[in-house]
Amino acid sequence: MKEIIDGFSYLFKGARHIALRRATWKHIWIPIALNALVFVLVSIAIVSVAMFLFQASAPDAFLLKILYGIIAAFAVVLSLFLYIMFFTAIGLVLGSPFYEALAGTVEREFGGFAPSGNAFRRMLRSVSSQLQKLFLFALAQIAFLAILLLPGIGVIAYTVASFALTVFLLGYDFVDFAFEARGWKPSKRRAWAIVNARALTGFGTAIFIFLLVPFVNMLVFPSAVVGAVLLFNNHDV
């Protein structure tokens, strides 16, 4: 539990780090504007799908009403997680050059490394990484469907399992910038993530919560990028 709480704090440490260092400010304005645009577009898409799903009226039969309620609850929970995952994936891909520069600035403060190599190739790797995570998330959601069949606790159990996976992947998403700066291979990245899974889960939980707060969520990505670099440097192996 201590590691989860410690990981949770790094989002705030990242925000504080940015506030106290003017050198980082130049890297955050364009990503904030991109986040605002992505937030609006993804929100419209999710709301449109939700409205379409709920246009149908509940059936009259008692058992069908129960089934309808389960499906409706599942749709609400799934929409929430999809919103977070797609908002994060699109925002990180579009803002990756700026976030890499921001991460590099913080890395150099600790005597670390800055991202090197072709920027376009790094962006392609970012796209590939996000697609892999979305694919993993989709597979997990299919597997989690079996949990919904548990009598009485299906929706709750599904929500807990999906939340745990989502916050872990969120934490991993942002620490990826520190991995990229070090040039770590996927196997080494996964090994670090497994060792520090509790810290990543706490970090991802903070990101998840504040991504749900309108306007505040515009500032989450830069704070999370810096917080991830700080987290990585304090848990380096």
Foldseek 3Di string as FASTA:
>chain_A
DVLLQVLLCLLVVLVVVCVVDVVLVVLQPVLLVVLVVLLVVLVVVLVVVLCVLPPDDQDDDPVSNVVSVLVNLVSVLVSLLVSVLVSVLVSCLVSVVSLQVSLQVLQVVVVHFGADDDPVVVSVVSNVVSVVLVVVLVVVLVVLVVLLPPPPCSSVVSSVVSLQSSLLVQLLSLLVSVCNRVVHDPVVSVVLCVVSVSSSSSNSVSLSVQCPPPPSVSVSNSSSNSSSSVVCVVSPD
